[in-house]
Amino acid sequence: MSGRRRSLEGRVAVVTGAARGVGALMARGLAERGAQVALVGLEPEELEKNAAACGADASSWEADVTDRVGLAEVARAVEERHGRVDIVVANAGIAIGGPFVDSDPVAFNRVIEVNLLGSIATARAFLPALLRTKGYLLQVASLAAITPAPLMAAYCTSKSGVEAFAHVLRSEVAHHGVGVGVGYLSWTDTDMVRGADEDDELRELRSRLPWPLNRTNPLEPAVDALVEGVLRRSPHVYGQRWLRAMQFVRGALPSVIGVMGPREVRKLDARLKATAQRRTNPVGRGGAADTSARVSRSLDG
């Protein structure tokens, strides 16, 4: 992360999903620009380590974004600890892959709960504080919000919903001085993407996409772009510059995918069915942490 002039002195930023990947680096980038950061996530040891890298004023908070009551308590505690909240980055997310017909219903629904309902819960918990500071909420979405992708029904559905929610919320809170942005990322070198690439069939299907859709992009430049978007309070932030152009052709993309997708999925159909049991949980270590937290909550309940 490059050391640029600090522009967030005196501001407090909250980042969800901050145990690893985009969230962890986003917190560090905001701290480098002068913000006090509060890291929220499921893995306390990782959160504490990342908070330590963000300076003495940083804090870490264990919370499941789908737990509305618990998240609201964290929001109150963060504001009490830091005195204010100026920026919230709703980044927490998980993913599963594979054909919808073979998907595990619990795992499928959990992606929607974390990515979409968790983002809504984050906004609900922190909006009162943002209204007080005329702050800014960045909702991290995805290329998956712009274009449908075979074998990614849960993720595309959740990120499309996230994008729509952010657009609606922006128009509702703008007159209060609160800004709302949507951040778009293509395939980026995170634990989630590396976890998805461990699945031979998913990796093969992605490799057949046209460039640059088949490329895994470096993490640091993508997060730099998101941080710059926060500094500008941008309504749209693109982790990869070429994603901006996708907005102009997104109306045609379902038709294109409708032609290409069936052909490619047909080639993999037998292998996908034979390996369906591999895809019963979210991918990567972040997905494993969410599964563990969900099981723990169900046992406690």
Foldseek 3Di string as FASTA:
>chain_A
DDQDAADQAPAEEEEEPCLWFLNLVLLQVNLSSHHAYEYEEADVVSQVVSQVSSDPRHYYYYDQLLPLVRLLVVLVVVCVSSVAHAEYELDDAFFFFFAPVLEDVVQLVVRLSRLAVSSVSNCVSNVVRNLVVLHEYEYEAEVLLLAPDHRGVSNSVNRVNSLVVQVVVQVVCVVSNYFYAYEYEAQEPIQQSVQQCVDPLSLVLLCPDDPPNSPYHYRVQLSVQVSVCRSVSHNYTYSDVCVVVSNVCSVCRVVVCVVPVVVSCVVCVVVSVVCSVVGHWTTGPSRVSVVVVVVVVVVVD
